[in-house]
Amino acid sequence: MSAARLRLEDPPTAIRPTEPSDAREQLALRLSNRDHTGPWDPLRDESFYSEAGQRLELDLDQRSWSAGNAYAFAVLDTELRDRIIGRVALSNVVRGPWQNATLGYWIDKDAGGRGHATRAVRLALEFAFEHAGLHRVQPAIIPRNIRSVRVAEKVGFRLEGRALRYLKINGAWEDHDVYALTVEDWDRMGRR
């Protein structure tokens, strides 16, 4: 099931599906945030940090959206003429009895501390539950990534447990705390 491509807003933050035309702007953002996001990212081939590498990532975003197995969004600052300031994505979408997705997000180091990540994650949840028909969304966060943990807590995710050596991040197998939120939680929070 592929969901409609739409823009959602909670000023001064908005999210919209990534587009092939984002390649240059996304490359500049990736390059300027390489040290900022590096400790939380998998090791990447140098080609990732090229315009061709970003075009490939954006092309994969389009294909995944069409297949209904991932939904990637550019995070925008509406006060800066919709400048791209990050990314939020619902990945590994599984349908059938699970109706689940994993959640990942990052915000430009120069835009941090202003609530953009929290608003972008809430907007991604609105999309997940109200447009994509998902039942559950799960971010997995390295416990020492305090900023990401704070975002998950502010949004209302519940900590479900620690997955040991869960993902290979920056060249090392890292433990991750798994958080979750279901559509029932979303409804109780009055988000609909």
C-alpha atoms as a PDB file:
ATOM      1  CA  MET A   1       0.000   0.000   0.000  1.00  0.00           C
ATOM      2  CA  SER A   2       1.533   3.265  -1.109  1.00  0.00           C
ATOM      3  CA  ALA A   3       0.309   6.412   0.639  1.00  0.00           C
ATOM      4  CA  ALA A   4      -0.371   9.791  -0.923  1.00  0.00           C
ATOM      5  CA  ARG A   5       2.627  12.099  -1.187  1.00  0.00           C
ATOM      6  CA  LEU A   6       1.751  15.142   0.869  1.00  0.00           C
ATOM      7  CA  ARG A   7       3.202  18.011   2.851  1.00  0.00           C
ATOM      8  CA  LEU A   8       2.429  18.370   6.579  1.00  0.00           C
ATOM      9  CA  GLU A   9       3.140  21.471   8.677  1.00  0.00           C
ATOM     10  CA  ASP A  10       3.565  22.507  12.296  1.00  0.00           C
ATOM     11  CA  PRO A  11       5.193  25.952  11.876  1.00  0.00           C
ATOM     12  CA  PRO A  12       8.015  26.701  11.795  1.00  0.00           C
ATOM     13  CA  THR A  13       8.560  23.064  10.752  1.00  0.00           C
ATOM     14  CA  ALA A  14       7.176  21.200   7.760  1.00  0.00           C
ATOM     15  CA  ILE A  15       7.849  17.851   6.138  1.00  0.00           C
ATOM     16  CA  ARG A  16       7.353  16.867   2.531  1.00  0.00           C
ATOM     17  CA  PRO A  17       8.395  13.801   0.556  1.00  0.00           C
ATOM     18  CA  THR A  18      11.948  13.993  -0.718  1.00  0.00           C
ATOM     19  CA  GLU A  19      12.301  14.837  -4.418  1.00  0.00           C
ATOM     20  CA  PRO A  20      15.033  14.206  -7.000  1.00  0.00           C
ATOM     21  CA  SER A  21      15.527  17.977  -7.258  1.00  0.00           C
ATOM     22  CA  ASP A  22      16.709  18.003  -3.610  1.00  0.00           C
ATOM     23  CA  ALA A  23      20.076  16.459  -4.546  1.00  0.00           C
ATOM     24  CA  ARG A  24      22.247  19.596  -4.399  1.00  0.00           C
ATOM     25  CA  GLU A  25      20.659  21.010  -1.258  1.00  0.00           C
ATOM     26  CA  GLN A  26      20.734  17.612   0.456  1.00  0.00           C
ATOM     27  CA  LEU A  27      24.401  17.127  -0.489  1.00  0.00           C
ATOM     28  CA  ALA A  28      25.342  20.490   1.041  1.00  0.00           C
ATOM     29  CA  LEU A  29      23.452  19.547   4.202  1.00  0.00           C
ATOM     30  CA  ARG A  30      25.062  16.084   4.386  1.00  0.00           C
ATOM     31  CA  LEU A  31      28.541  17.563   3.935  1.00  0.00           C
ATOM     32  CA  SER A  32      28.083  20.307   6.537  1.00  0.00           C
ATOM     33  CA  ASN A  33      26.676  17.789   9.050  1.00  0.00           C
ATOM     34  CA  ARG A  34      29.086  14.927   8.435  1.00  0.00           C
ATOM     35  CA  ASP A  35      30.794  15.279  11.826  1.00  0.00           C
ATOM     36  CA  HIS A  36      27.461  15.976  13.552  1.00  0.00           C
ATOM     37  CA  THR A  37      25.676  12.855  12.252  1.00  0.00           C
ATOM     38  CA  GLY A  38      28.728  10.600  11.834  1.00  0.00           C
ATOM     39  CA  PRO A  39      28.639   9.075  15.338  1.00  0.00           C
ATOM     40  CA  TRP A  40      25.026   7.939  14.720  1.00  0.00           C
ATOM     41  CA  ASP A  41      25.286   6.786  11.091  1.00  0.00           C
ATOM     42  CA  PRO A  42      26.596   3.637   9.451  1.00  0.00           C
ATOM     43  CA  LEU A  43      29.952   4.012   7.716  1.00  0.00           C
ATOM     44  CA  ARG A  44      29.315   5.335   4.231  1.00  0.00           C
ATOM     45  CA  ASP A  45      31.313   5.064   1.048  1.00  0.00           C
ATOM     46  CA  GLU A  46      32.782   8.390  -0.098  1.00  0.00           C
ATOM     47  CA  SER A  47      30.470   8.263  -3.125  1.00  0.00           C
ATOM     48  CA  PHE A  48      27.535   8.882  -0.763  1.00  0.00           C
ATOM     49  CA  TYR A  49      28.927  12.392  -0.202  1.00  0.00           C
ATOM     50  CA  SER A  50      28.630  13.348  -3.865  1.00  0.00           C
ATOM     51  CA  GLU A  51      25.771  14.733  -5.916  1.00  0.00           C
ATOM     52  CA  ALA A  52      25.479  11.375  -7.681  1.00  0.00           C
ATOM     53  CA  GLY A  53      25.320   9.618  -4.298  1.00  0.00           C
ATOM     54  CA  GLN A  54      22.546  11.898  -3.130  1.00  0.00           C
ATOM     55  CA  ARG A  55      20.657  11.478  -6.414  1.00  0.00           C
ATOM     56  CA  LEU A  56      20.862   7.714  -5.844  1.00  0.00           C
ATOM     57  CA  GLU A  57      19.519   8.062  -2.286  1.00  0.00           C
ATOM     58  CA  LEU A  58      16.654  10.245  -3.529  1.00  0.00           C
ATOM     59  CA  ASP A  59      15.909   7.803  -6.360  1.00  0.00           C
ATOM     60  CA  LEU A  60      15.758   4.970  -3.826  1.00  0.00           C
ATOM     61  CA  ASP A  61      13.392   7.129  -1.742  1.00  0.00           C
ATOM     62  CA  GLN A  62      11.067   7.464  -4.759  1.00  0.00           C
ATOM     63  CA  ARG A  63      11.127   3.733  -5.499  1.00  0.00           C
ATOM     64  CA  SER A  64      10.523   2.809  -1.866  1.00  0.00           C
ATOM     65  CA  TRP A  65       7.610   5.241  -1.626  1.00  0.00           C
ATOM     66  CA  SER A  66       6.035   3.768  -4.774  1.00  0.00           C
ATOM     67  CA  ALA A  67       6.471   0.254  -3.372  1.00  0.00           C
ATOM     68  CA  GLY A  68       5.005   1.342  -0.021  1.00  0.00           C
ATOM     69  CA  ASN A  69       7.958   0.018   1.990  1.00  0.00           C
ATOM     70  CA  ALA A  70       9.446   3.375   3.122  1.00  0.00           C
ATOM     71  CA  TYR A  71       8.427   7.027   3.302  1.00  0.00           C
ATOM     72  CA  ALA A  72      11.271   9.578   3.404  1.00  0.00           C
ATOM     73  CA  PHE A  73      10.648  13.267   4.085  1.00  0.00           C
ATOM     74  CA  ALA A  74      12.732  16.406   3.860  1.00  0.00           C
ATOM     75  CA  VAL A  75      12.399  18.475   7.044  1.00  0.00           C
ATOM     76  CA  LEU A  76      11.876  22.139   6.208  1.00  0.00           C
ATOM     77  CA  ASP A  77      12.215  25.394   8.127  1.00  0.00           C
ATOM     78  CA  THR A  78       9.209  27.462   7.013  1.00  0.00           C
ATOM     79  CA  GLU A  79      10.783  30.653   8.397  1.00  0.00           C
ATOM     80  CA  LEU A  80      13.711  30.191   6.000  1.00  0.00           C
ATOM     81  CA  ARG A  81      11.689  29.782   2.794  1.00  0.00           C
ATOM     82  CA  ASP A  82      11.397  26.017   3.237  1.00  0.00           C
ATOM     83  CA  ARG A  83      15.137  25.425   3.478  1.00  0.00           C
ATOM     84  CA  ILE A  84      15.866  21.721   4.005  1.00  0.00           C
ATOM     85  CA  ILE A  85      17.205  21.254   7.535  1.00  0.00           C
ATOM     86  CA  GLY A  86      17.055  17.489   7.946  1.00  0.00           C
ATOM     87  CA  ARG A  87      15.372  14.226   7.188  1.00  0.00           C
ATOM     88  CA  VAL A  88      12.764  12.035   8.837  1.00  0.00           C
ATOM     89  CA  ALA A  89      11.908   8.620   7.429  1.00  0.00           C
ATOM     90  CA  LEU A  90       9.597   5.728   8.077  1.00  0.00           C
ATOM     91  CA  SER A  91      11.553   2.699   6.839  1.00  0.00           C
ATOM     92  CA  ASN A  92      11.254  -1.075   6.819  1.00  0.00           C
ATOM     93  CA  VAL A  93       7.484  -0.839   6.473  1.00  0.00           C
ATOM     94  CA  VAL A  94       5.906  -4.244   7.026  1.00  0.00           C
ATOM     95  CA  ARG A  95       2.230  -4.786   6.266  1.00  0.00           C
ATOM     96  CA  GLY A  96       0.071  -7.807   7.082  1.00  0.00           C
ATOM     97  CA  PRO A  97      -0.582  -8.403  10.764  1.00  0.00           C
ATOM     98  CA  TRP A  98       2.277  -6.134  11.916  1.00  0.00           C
ATOM     99  CA  GLN A  99       1.645  -2.778  10.116  1.00  0.00           C
ATOM    100  CA  ASN A 100       4.940  -1.478  11.486  1.00  0.00           C
ATOM    101  CA  ALA A 101       7.733   0.916  10.472  1.00  0.00           C
ATOM    102  CA  THR A 102      11.053   1.960  11.923  1.00  0.00           C
ATOM    103  CA  LEU A 103      11.690   5.684  12.348  1.00  0.00           C
ATOM    104  CA  GLY A 104      14.886   7.618  11.793  1.00  0.00           C
ATOM    105  CA  TYR A 105      15.533  11.357  11.929  1.00  0.00           C
ATOM    106  CA  TRP A 106      18.259  13.985  12.013  1.00  0.00           C
ATOM    107  CA  ILE A 107      18.368  17.762  11.992  1.00  0.00           C
ATOM    108  CA  ASP A 108      21.061  20.169  10.799  1.00  0.00           C
ATOM    109  CA  LYS A 109      23.440  21.096  13.617  1.00  0.00           C
ATOM    110  CA  ASP A 110      22.694  24.793  12.983  1.00  0.00           C
ATOM    111  CA  ALA A 111      18.924  24.246  13.322  1.00  0.00           C
ATOM    112  CA  GLY A 112      19.092  22.079  16.467  1.00  0.00           C
ATOM    113  CA  GLY A 113      17.593  23.030  19.799  1.00  0.00           C
ATOM    114  CA  ARG A 114      14.554  24.768  18.282  1.00  0.00           C
ATOM    115  CA  GLY A 115      12.060  21.914  18.372  1.00  0.00           C
ATOM    116  CA  HIS A 116      12.311  21.051  14.673  1.00  0.00           C
ATOM    117  CA  ALA A 117      13.112  17.371  15.331  1.00  0.00           C
ATOM    118  CA  THR A 118      10.209  16.968  17.765  1.00  0.00           C
ATOM    119  CA  ARG A 119       7.746  18.623  15.378  1.00  0.00           C
ATOM    120  CA  ALA A 120       9.081  16.661  12.371  1.00  0.00           C
ATOM    121  CA  VAL A 121       8.714  13.357  14.227  1.00  0.00           C
ATOM    122  CA  ARG A 122       5.138  14.242  15.258  1.00  0.00           C
ATOM    123  CA  LEU A 123       4.329  15.091  11.643  1.00  0.00           C
ATOM    124  CA  ALA A 124       5.841  11.778  10.496  1.00  0.00           C
ATOM    125  CA  LEU A 125       3.643  10.005  13.055  1.00  0.00           C
ATOM    126  CA  GLU A 126       0.602  11.877  11.759  1.00  0.00           C
ATOM    127  CA  PHE A 127       1.477  10.591   8.302  1.00  0.00           C
ATOM    128  CA  ALA A 128       2.113   7.045   9.570  1.00  0.00           C
ATOM    129  CA  PHE A 129      -1.143   6.703  11.481  1.00  0.00           C
ATOM    130  CA  GLU A 130      -3.524   8.950   9.574  1.00  0.00           C
ATOM    131  CA  HIS A 131      -2.372   8.531   5.970  1.00  0.00           C
ATOM    132  CA  ALA A 132      -0.262   5.362   5.646  1.00  0.00           C
ATOM    133  CA  GLY A 133      -2.475   3.174   7.848  1.00  0.00           C
ATOM    134  CA  LEU A 134       0.318   1.937  10.087  1.00  0.00           C
ATOM    135  CA  HIS A 135      -0.343   0.548  13.554  1.00  0.00           C
ATOM    136  CA  ARG A 136       3.113   0.878  15.145  1.00  0.00           C
ATOM    137  CA  VAL A 137       6.240   3.020  14.718  1.00  0.00           C
ATOM    138  CA  GLN A 138       9.571   2.145  16.351  1.00  0.00           C
ATOM    139  CA  PRO A 139      12.715   4.271  16.591  1.00  0.00           C
ATOM    140  CA  ALA A 140      15.886   2.570  17.840  1.00  0.00           C
ATOM    141  CA  ILE A 141      18.314   4.965  19.514  1.00  0.00           C
ATOM    142  CA  ILE A 142      21.877   4.582  20.785  1.00  0.00           C
ATOM    143  CA  PRO A 143      21.425   5.305  24.523  1.00  0.00           C
ATOM    144  CA  ARG A 144      24.155   7.983  24.628  1.00  0.00           C
ATOM    145  CA  ASN A 145      22.426   9.931  21.829  1.00  0.00           C
ATOM    146  CA  ILE A 146      20.772  12.189  24.388  1.00  0.00           C
ATOM    147  CA  ARG A 147      19.219  14.580  21.866  1.00  0.00           C
ATOM    148  CA  SER A 148      17.413  11.775  20.015  1.00  0.00           C
ATOM    149  CA  VAL A 149      16.306  10.208  23.299  1.00  0.00           C
ATOM    150  CA  ARG A 150      14.822  13.571  24.356  1.00  0.00           C
ATOM    151  CA  VAL A 151      12.898  13.846  21.096  1.00  0.00           C
ATOM    152  CA  ALA A 152      11.440  10.339  21.523  1.00  0.00           C
ATOM    153  CA  GLU A 153      10.420  11.106  25.108  1.00  0.00           C
ATOM    154  CA  LYS A 154       8.855  14.481  24.227  1.00  0.00           C
ATOM    155  CA  VAL A 155       6.817  12.922  21.438  1.00  0.00           C
ATOM    156  CA  GLY A 156       5.477  10.233  23.782  1.00  0.00           C
ATOM    157  CA  PHE A 157       7.286   7.075  22.679  1.00  0.00           C
ATOM    158  CA  ARG A 158       7.566   4.375  25.319  1.00  0.00           C
ATOM    159  CA  LEU A 159      10.880   2.629  25.941  1.00  0.00           C
ATOM    160  CA  GLU A 160      10.382  -1.072  25.299  1.00  0.00           C
ATOM    161  CA  GLY A 161      13.885  -2.390  25.909  1.00  0.00           C
ATOM    162  CA  ARG A 162      17.481  -2.585  24.839  1.00  0.00           C
ATOM    163  CA  ALA A 163      18.597  -4.504  21.751  1.00  0.00           C
ATOM    164  CA  LEU A 164      22.222  -5.552  22.165  1.00  0.00           C
ATOM    165  CA  ARG A 165      24.603  -5.020  19.229  1.00  0.00           C
ATOM    166  CA  TYR A 166      21.558  -4.017  17.188  1.00  0.00           C
ATOM    167  CA  LEU A 167      23.073  -2.010  14.317  1.00  0.00           C
ATOM    168  CA  LYS A 168      26.564  -1.454  12.962  1.00  0.00           C
ATOM    169  CA  ILE A 169      27.039   2.276  13.432  1.00  0.00           C
ATOM    170  CA  ASN A 170      30.194   4.168  12.557  1.00  0.00           C
ATOM    171  CA  GLY A 171      32.001   0.820  12.225  1.00  0.00           C
ATOM    172  CA  ALA A 172      30.940  -0.721  15.570  1.00  0.00           C
ATOM    173  CA  TRP A 173      27.999  -2.881  16.637  1.00  0.00           C
ATOM    174  CA  GLU A 174      25.996  -0.602  18.921  1.00  0.00           C
ATOM    175  CA  ASP A 175      23.323  -1.350  21.499  1.00  0.00           C
ATOM    176  CA  HIS A 176      20.072   0.521  20.838  1.00  0.00           C
ATOM    177  CA  ASP A 177      17.084   1.309  23.010  1.00  0.00           C
ATOM    178  CA  VAL A 178      13.900   0.412  21.149  1.00  0.00           C
ATOM    179  CA  TYR A 179      10.977   2.789  21.567  1.00  0.00           C
ATOM    180  CA  ALA A 180       7.461   2.385  20.209  1.00  0.00           C
ATOM    181  CA  LEU A 181       4.176   4.161  19.744  1.00  0.00           C
ATOM    182  CA  THR A 182       0.970   2.639  18.393  1.00  0.00           C
ATOM    183  CA  VAL A 183      -2.069   4.194  16.793  1.00  0.00           C
ATOM    184  CA  GLU A 184      -3.921   3.588  20.091  1.00  0.00           C
ATOM    185  CA  ASP A 185      -1.272   5.666  21.899  1.00  0.00           C
ATOM    186  CA  TRP A 186      -1.637   8.342  19.214  1.00  0.00           C
ATOM    187  CA  ASP A 187      -5.406   8.410  19.696  1.00  0.00           C
ATOM    188  CA  ARG A 188      -5.055   8.645  23.495  1.00  0.00           C
ATOM    189  CA  MET A 189      -2.717  11.601  23.057  1.00  0.00           C
ATOM    190  CA  GLY A 190      -5.506  13.292  21.089  1.00  0.00           C
ATOM    191  CA  ARG A 191      -3.434  13.676  17.958  1.00  0.00           C
ATOM    192  CA  ARG A 192      -6.205  12.857  15.488  1.00  0.00           C
END
